[in-house]
Amino acid sequence: MHYKYTDIKAIIAEILEAKKDDGGVKNLYFVGCGGSLGALYPAKELIERESAALKTGWVNSNEFVHSTPKDFGKNSIICLACHKGNTPETIAAARLGKEMGAAVIILTWLEESEIIEFGDYIIHYSFDASPDHLAGDIDYAGEKTMCALQVAVELLNQTEGYAHYDAFQQGAGMITGIIRKARAHVAARALAFAQEYKDDSVIYTMGSGAGWGAAYMESICIFMEMQWMHSACIHTGEFFHGPFEVTDANTPFVIQISEGTTRALDERCLKFLHTYAKRIEVLDAKELGLSTIDASVVDYFNHSLFNNVYPIYNHALAEARQHPLTTRRYMWKVEY
């Protein structure tokens, strides 16, 4: 059956009822490839931080199939993200979930696709399908990342209780307005960014905590895939354990300053960059309005904010470089 994100509470209740006499649900795995995998990272973080009993994992689809966790099976939920439902590796992971008796939740955008036959629950998420994702008129609370978070929140709350459940739902109701204002706020800054970095061949992204996935997606999906620029995503907690040696006046960095528990990690890196680097683009969640969400849950909304502010930058950069975001050398063109 097909569901909306507003149905997730009932979906989790149904899964728990079905498995209550057979050991219940013991783990929740988030599985996908590329940007779809990155989008699931905040949900993994929420379970990891907030649950005392549930095990979780965040695994590339192909690795999940070839190196399946030993505890995966009838007491598992697998939540897979597959945008158009045709990624072979993710289809294989969903099929494996079915075969092993797990409850299979598939997050996808298209109504019909190859993957849906392997899903017990098909949740269709909101997506800005306008050119370069600039329309900005969607319900961001129904995006892929937020759907995965709601799966995590509902499972946590219905199994062991979540003290900040109401605060999270309040935050979900606020995120669309916050993102729309933030996108407008960075418009002029994004144009300046594009002119500054259009001739660079390398750019690093940096982030931490539940927002780290957004920095990862920007690095591999935009700079590398869509702009053919060399890039790597550096965790701010790891920066001083090797990567900071590449810092100089010419090397560009895009750094996310998250709101919440890991902000100190990001600020430490920013202080170093301000001392030894010259070319730094800062995305500060506090400046962009995220601190209006309750501090007990704000960590989990960083990703949605950053990931939906980036398209403003990405469109400007693609225009300045005369390299459309749709340009590919290998993807969908050769056998791989």
Protein backbone atom coordinates (compact mmCIF):
# COMPACT_ATOMS: atom_id res chain seq x y z
CA MET A 1 0.00 0.00 0.00
CA HIS A 2 1.00 3.62 -0.51
CA TYR A 3 1.15 6.14 2.35
CA LYS A 4 1.78 9.79 3.12
CA TYR A 5 4.25 10.96 5.75
CA THR A 6 1.33 11.74 8.01
CA ASP A 7 0.62 7.98 8.15
CA ILE A 8 3.96 7.04 9.72
CA LYS A 9 2.58 6.88 13.27
CA ALA A 10 0.03 4.27 12.19
CA ILE A 11 2.62 2.36 10.16
CA ILE A 12 4.90 1.92 13.16
CA ALA A 13 1.97 0.89 15.35
CA GLU A 14 0.99 -1.76 12.80
CA ILE A 15 4.53 -3.14 12.57
CA LEU A 16 4.86 -3.34 16.36
CA GLU A 17 1.51 -5.11 16.67
CA ALA A 18 2.48 -7.63 14.00
CA LYS A 19 5.78 -8.45 15.67
CA LYS A 20 4.81 -8.25 19.35
CA ASP A 21 4.44 -12.04 19.77
CA ASP A 22 7.60 -12.81 17.86
CA GLY A 23 10.24 -10.87 19.77
CA GLY A 24 9.17 -7.35 18.81
CA VAL A 25 11.37 -4.84 16.99
CA LYS A 26 14.99 -4.77 18.11
CA ASN A 27 16.70 -2.73 15.40
CA LEU A 28 16.12 -0.17 12.68
CA TYR A 29 18.44 0.02 9.68
CA PHE A 30 18.62 2.99 7.30
CA VAL A 31 19.78 1.96 3.84
CA GLY A 32 20.34 3.79 0.56
CA CYS A 33 22.91 5.09 -1.92
CA GLY A 34 24.44 8.52 -2.49
CA GLY A 35 22.18 11.42 -1.63
CA SER A 36 19.42 9.10 -0.50
CA LEU A 37 21.79 7.54 2.03
CA GLY A 38 22.96 10.96 3.19
CA ALA A 39 19.38 12.05 3.73
CA LEU A 40 18.86 9.21 6.23
CA TYR A 41 21.76 10.20 8.48
CA PRO A 42 19.80 12.38 10.96
CA ALA A 43 17.36 9.53 11.67
CA LYS A 44 20.23 7.19 12.46
CA GLU A 45 21.67 9.82 14.78
CA LEU A 46 18.36 10.24 16.60
CA ILE A 47 18.02 6.53 17.39
CA GLU A 48 21.68 6.29 18.34
CA ARG A 49 21.47 9.20 20.77
CA GLU A 50 17.97 8.88 22.16
CA SER A 51 17.24 5.14 22.40
CA ALA A 52 18.45 2.93 25.23
CA ALA A 53 17.25 -0.31 23.66
CA LEU A 54 17.12 -0.06 19.85
CA LYS A 55 20.13 -0.77 17.68
CA THR A 56 20.49 1.21 14.48
CA GLY A 57 22.72 1.31 11.43
CA TRP A 58 23.31 3.59 8.43
CA VAL A 59 24.54 1.47 5.55
CA ASN A 60 25.14 1.78 1.82
CA SER A 61 22.69 -0.51 -0.02
CA ASN A 62 25.33 -2.58 -1.79
CA GLU A 63 27.30 -3.09 1.40
CA PHE A 64 24.12 -4.08 3.23
CA VAL A 65 23.49 -6.84 0.68
CA HIS A 66 27.07 -8.10 0.62
CA SER A 67 27.83 -7.66 4.33
CA THR A 68 24.49 -8.01 6.08
CA PRO A 69 24.39 -7.32 9.85
CA LYS A 70 24.06 -10.55 11.82
CA ASP A 71 21.05 -9.33 13.82
CA PHE A 72 19.04 -8.34 10.74
CA GLY A 73 15.86 -10.36 10.23
CA LYS A 74 12.35 -10.81 11.58
CA ASN A 75 12.91 -8.41 14.49
CA SER A 76 14.12 -5.63 12.21
CA ILE A 77 12.75 -2.66 10.35
CA ILE A 78 14.65 -1.61 7.24
CA CYS A 79 13.94 1.93 6.03
CA LEU A 80 15.24 2.45 2.51
CA ALA A 81 15.34 5.65 0.46
CA CYS A 82 15.25 5.42 -3.33
CA HIS A 83 14.23 8.59 -5.15
CA LYS A 84 12.97 7.16 -8.43
CA GLY A 85 12.75 3.59 -7.20
CA ASN A 86 15.18 2.23 -9.78
CA THR A 87 18.56 2.07 -8.03
CA PRO A 88 19.58 -1.59 -8.47
CA GLU A 89 21.57 -1.82 -5.23
CA THR A 90 18.69 -0.44 -3.15
CA ILE A 91 16.19 -2.71 -4.88
CA ALA A 92 18.42 -5.65 -3.94
CA ALA A 93 18.53 -4.48 -0.31
CA ALA A 94 14.74 -4.18 -0.20
CA ARG A 95 14.39 -7.67 -1.68
CA LEU A 96 16.75 -9.00 0.99
CA GLY A 97 14.63 -7.35 3.67
CA LYS A 98 11.54 -9.12 2.37
CA GLU A 99 13.32 -12.46 2.22
CA MET A 100 14.60 -12.17 5.79
CA GLY A 101 11.27 -11.22 7.32
CA ALA A 102 12.03 -7.63 8.22
CA ALA A 103 9.38 -4.91 7.97
CA VAL A 104 10.34 -3.00 4.81
CA ILE A 105 9.60 0.73 4.64
CA ILE A 106 10.47 2.41 1.35
CA LEU A 107 10.75 6.19 1.01
CA THR A 108 10.38 7.25 -2.61
CA TRP A 109 9.13 10.09 -4.76
CA LEU A 110 7.57 8.38 -7.79
CA GLU A 111 4.16 6.76 -7.48
CA GLU A 112 5.17 3.64 -9.39
CA SER A 113 8.63 2.11 -9.72
CA GLU A 114 10.59 -1.14 -9.60
CA ILE A 115 11.29 -1.08 -5.88
CA ILE A 116 7.73 -0.88 -4.57
CA GLU A 117 7.02 -4.61 -5.00
CA PHE A 118 9.55 -5.25 -2.22
CA GLY A 119 8.06 -2.77 0.26
CA ASP A 120 5.53 -3.45 2.98
CA TYR A 121 4.97 0.29 3.30
CA ILE A 122 5.61 2.79 0.50
CA ILE A 123 5.86 6.38 1.74
CA HIS A 124 5.88 9.10 -0.91
CA TYR A 125 7.82 12.15 0.18
CA SER A 126 7.74 15.80 -0.88
CA PHE A 127 10.31 16.89 -3.44
CA ASP A 128 11.03 20.14 -5.25
CA ALA A 129 11.08 18.95 -8.85
CA SER A 130 11.57 22.42 -10.30
CA PRO A 131 14.79 23.10 -12.26
CA ASP A 132 17.70 23.32 -9.81
CA HIS A 133 15.23 22.84 -6.88
CA LEU A 134 14.56 26.56 -6.64
CA ALA A 135 10.75 26.71 -6.41
CA GLY A 136 10.81 26.42 -2.63
CA ASP A 137 7.06 25.98 -2.35
CA ILE A 138 7.00 22.39 -1.07
CA ASP A 139 6.17 21.16 2.41
CA TYR A 140 9.66 20.56 3.78
CA ALA A 141 8.18 18.62 6.71
CA GLY A 142 7.31 15.89 4.20
CA GLU A 143 10.75 15.59 2.64
CA LYS A 144 12.77 12.36 2.61
CA THR A 145 14.93 13.32 5.58
CA MET A 146 11.94 14.31 7.69
CA CYS A 147 10.06 11.11 6.75
CA ALA A 148 12.99 9.01 7.97
CA LEU A 149 13.16 11.07 11.16
CA GLN A 150 9.46 10.48 11.77
CA VAL A 151 10.01 6.72 11.37
CA ALA A 152 12.75 6.95 14.01
CA VAL A 153 10.76 9.19 16.35
CA GLU A 154 7.61 7.07 16.19
CA LEU A 155 9.47 3.82 16.76
CA LEU A 156 11.33 5.32 19.71
CA ASN A 157 8.21 6.84 21.23
CA GLN A 158 6.03 3.76 20.77
CA THR A 159 8.59 1.31 22.17
CA GLU A 160 10.26 3.09 25.07
CA GLY A 161 8.87 6.63 25.06
CA TYR A 162 10.49 9.83 23.84
CA ALA A 163 10.46 12.69 26.32
CA HIS A 164 10.89 15.28 23.56
CA TYR A 165 8.24 13.88 21.21
CA ASP A 166 6.01 16.96 21.37
CA ALA A 167 8.96 19.31 20.93
CA PHE A 168 10.04 17.36 17.85
CA GLN A 169 6.57 17.55 16.30
CA GLN A 170 6.47 21.27 17.02
CA GLY A 171 9.83 21.63 15.26
CA ALA A 172 8.55 19.67 12.27
CA GLY A 173 5.71 22.16 12.03
CA MET A 174 8.19 25.06 11.98
CA ILE A 175 10.84 23.77 9.57
CA THR A 176 9.15 24.80 6.31
CA GLY A 177 8.94 28.45 7.35
CA ILE A 178 12.52 28.46 8.63
CA ILE A 179 13.88 27.00 5.40
CA ARG A 180 11.99 29.42 3.15
CA LYS A 181 13.32 32.42 5.06
CA ALA A 182 16.85 31.01 5.09
CA ARG A 183 16.85 30.43 1.32
CA ALA A 184 15.88 34.05 0.74
CA HIS A 185 18.47 35.20 3.27
CA VAL A 186 21.40 33.62 1.39
CA ALA A 187 20.42 34.62 -2.15
CA ALA A 188 22.89 37.50 -2.56
CA ARG A 189 25.58 35.62 -0.66
CA ALA A 190 25.22 32.65 -3.02
CA LEU A 191 25.86 34.85 -6.06
CA ALA A 192 29.07 36.16 -4.48
CA PHE A 193 30.07 32.59 -3.58
CA ALA A 194 29.64 31.50 -7.20
CA GLN A 195 31.87 34.27 -8.52
CA GLU A 196 34.53 33.57 -5.89
CA TYR A 197 34.75 29.81 -6.45
CA LYS A 198 33.74 29.27 -10.09
CA ASP A 199 37.34 28.70 -11.24
CA ASP A 200 38.41 26.42 -8.38
CA SER A 201 39.06 22.73 -8.99
CA VAL A 202 38.73 21.64 -5.36
CA ILE A 203 36.49 22.57 -2.44
CA TYR A 204 36.00 20.94 0.96
CA THR A 205 32.81 20.71 3.00
CA MET A 206 32.72 20.46 6.79
CA GLY A 207 30.07 19.56 9.33
CA SER A 208 29.21 17.48 12.39
CA GLY A 209 26.43 15.78 14.29
CA ALA A 210 23.07 15.03 12.73
CA GLY A 211 23.76 17.70 10.10
CA TRP A 212 26.90 15.99 8.81
CA GLY A 213 24.94 14.18 6.08
CA ALA A 214 24.15 17.48 4.38
CA ALA A 215 27.86 18.32 4.09
CA TYR A 216 28.49 14.81 2.78
CA MET A 217 25.76 15.16 0.14
CA GLU A 218 27.03 18.56 -0.98
CA SER A 219 30.52 17.13 -1.42
CA ILE A 220 29.71 13.92 -3.31
CA CYS A 221 26.47 14.81 -5.12
CA ILE A 222 27.06 18.45 -6.05
CA PHE A 223 30.74 19.34 -6.16
CA MET A 224 31.92 15.92 -7.41
CA GLU A 225 28.95 14.53 -9.35
CA MET A 226 27.31 17.66 -10.72
CA GLN A 227 30.22 20.10 -10.98
CA TRP A 228 33.21 17.74 -11.48
CA MET A 229 35.16 19.49 -8.74
CA HIS A 230 37.43 17.56 -6.40
CA SER A 231 35.97 17.49 -2.92
CA ALA A 232 35.86 15.68 0.39
CA CYS A 233 33.60 15.99 3.40
CA ILE A 234 35.55 16.56 6.61
CA HIS A 235 33.96 15.93 9.98
CA THR A 236 34.78 18.91 12.19
CA GLY A 237 35.65 16.57 15.04
CA GLU A 238 38.25 14.92 12.79
CA PHE A 239 39.67 18.11 11.30
CA PHE A 240 42.48 18.43 13.84
CA HIS A 241 43.51 14.80 13.43
CA GLY A 242 44.92 15.12 9.92
CA PRO A 243 42.87 17.21 7.47
CA PHE A 244 43.81 20.62 8.92
CA GLU A 245 47.28 20.21 7.38
CA VAL A 246 45.85 21.14 3.94
CA THR A 247 44.66 24.52 5.25
CA ASP A 248 46.18 27.54 3.53
CA ALA A 249 45.16 30.89 2.09
CA ASN A 250 44.09 29.43 -1.27
CA THR A 251 42.12 26.32 -0.31
CA PRO A 252 38.32 26.83 -0.11
CA PHE A 253 36.13 25.45 2.67
CA VAL A 254 32.35 25.40 3.12
CA ILE A 255 31.63 24.89 6.82
CA GLN A 256 28.30 24.20 8.51
CA ILE A 257 27.90 25.60 12.01
CA SER A 258 25.13 23.47 13.50
CA GLU A 259 22.75 24.37 16.27
CA GLY A 260 22.73 21.93 19.16
CA THR A 261 25.12 19.60 20.89
CA THR A 262 27.98 19.56 18.37
CA ARG A 263 28.16 23.29 17.70
CA ALA A 264 31.36 23.55 19.77
CA LEU A 265 33.13 21.21 17.30
CA ASP A 266 32.18 23.42 14.35
CA GLU A 267 33.10 26.66 16.11
CA ARG A 268 36.52 25.29 17.02
CA CYS A 269 37.21 24.58 13.34
CA LEU A 270 35.88 27.95 12.25
CA LYS A 271 38.23 29.70 14.69
CA PHE A 272 41.18 27.84 13.15
CA LEU A 273 40.05 28.62 9.61
CA HIS A 274 39.70 32.31 10.41
CA THR A 275 43.30 32.23 11.64
CA TYR A 276 44.96 30.27 8.83
CA ALA A 277 42.59 30.27 5.84
CA LYS A 278 41.20 33.07 3.70
CA ARG A 279 38.46 31.45 1.61
CA ILE A 280 35.66 30.26 3.87
CA GLU A 281 31.92 30.06 3.28
CA VAL A 282 29.99 29.77 6.54
CA LEU A 283 26.47 28.40 6.88
CA ASP A 284 25.43 29.11 10.46
CA ALA A 285 22.18 27.45 11.51
CA LYS A 286 21.66 30.00 14.27
CA GLU A 287 21.93 32.91 11.86
CA LEU A 288 19.58 31.08 9.50
CA GLY A 289 16.86 30.85 12.15
CA LEU A 290 17.06 27.28 13.44
CA SER A 291 17.40 28.30 17.09
CA THR A 292 13.66 28.99 17.19
CA ILE A 293 13.24 25.20 17.43
CA ASP A 294 13.47 23.78 20.95
CA ALA A 295 17.03 23.02 22.06
CA SER A 296 16.11 19.45 23.06
CA VAL A 297 15.50 18.48 19.41
CA VAL A 298 17.17 21.17 17.30
CA ASP A 299 20.11 18.90 16.40
CA TYR A 300 17.92 16.80 14.14
CA PHE A 301 16.74 19.71 11.99
CA ASN A 302 20.18 20.98 10.93
CA HIS A 303 20.30 18.65 7.96
CA SER A 304 16.99 19.80 6.49
CA LEU A 305 18.00 23.43 6.84
CA PHE A 306 21.46 23.10 5.29
CA ASN A 307 20.39 20.68 2.57
CA ASN A 308 17.68 23.06 1.37
CA VAL A 309 19.85 26.17 1.54
CA TYR A 310 22.56 24.55 -0.58
CA PRO A 311 20.46 24.57 -3.81
CA ILE A 312 20.58 28.38 -3.82
CA TYR A 313 24.37 28.16 -3.86
CA ASN A 314 24.43 25.24 -6.29
CA HIS A 315 22.30 26.96 -8.91
CA ALA A 316 24.43 30.11 -8.74
CA LEU A 317 27.66 28.11 -9.00
CA ALA A 318 26.40 26.08 -11.96
CA GLU A 319 25.39 29.28 -13.75
CA ALA A 320 28.73 30.97 -13.09
CA ARG A 321 30.69 27.90 -14.23
CA GLN A 322 28.38 27.31 -17.23
CA HIS A 323 28.16 23.71 -16.07
CA PRO A 324 24.50 22.67 -15.64
CA LEU A 325 23.68 20.51 -12.63
CA THR A 326 22.26 17.90 -15.02
CA THR A 327 25.60 17.33 -16.81
CA ARG A 328 27.09 13.84 -16.46
CA ARG A 329 30.04 11.98 -17.96
CA TYR A 330 29.28 8.46 -16.75
CA MET A 331 26.10 8.34 -14.66
CA TRP A 332 23.30 6.65 -16.63
CA LYS A 333 25.51 6.79 -19.76
CA VAL A 334 27.92 3.86 -19.46
CA GLU A 335 27.78 0.43 -17.88
CA TYR A 336 28.92 0.39 -14.24
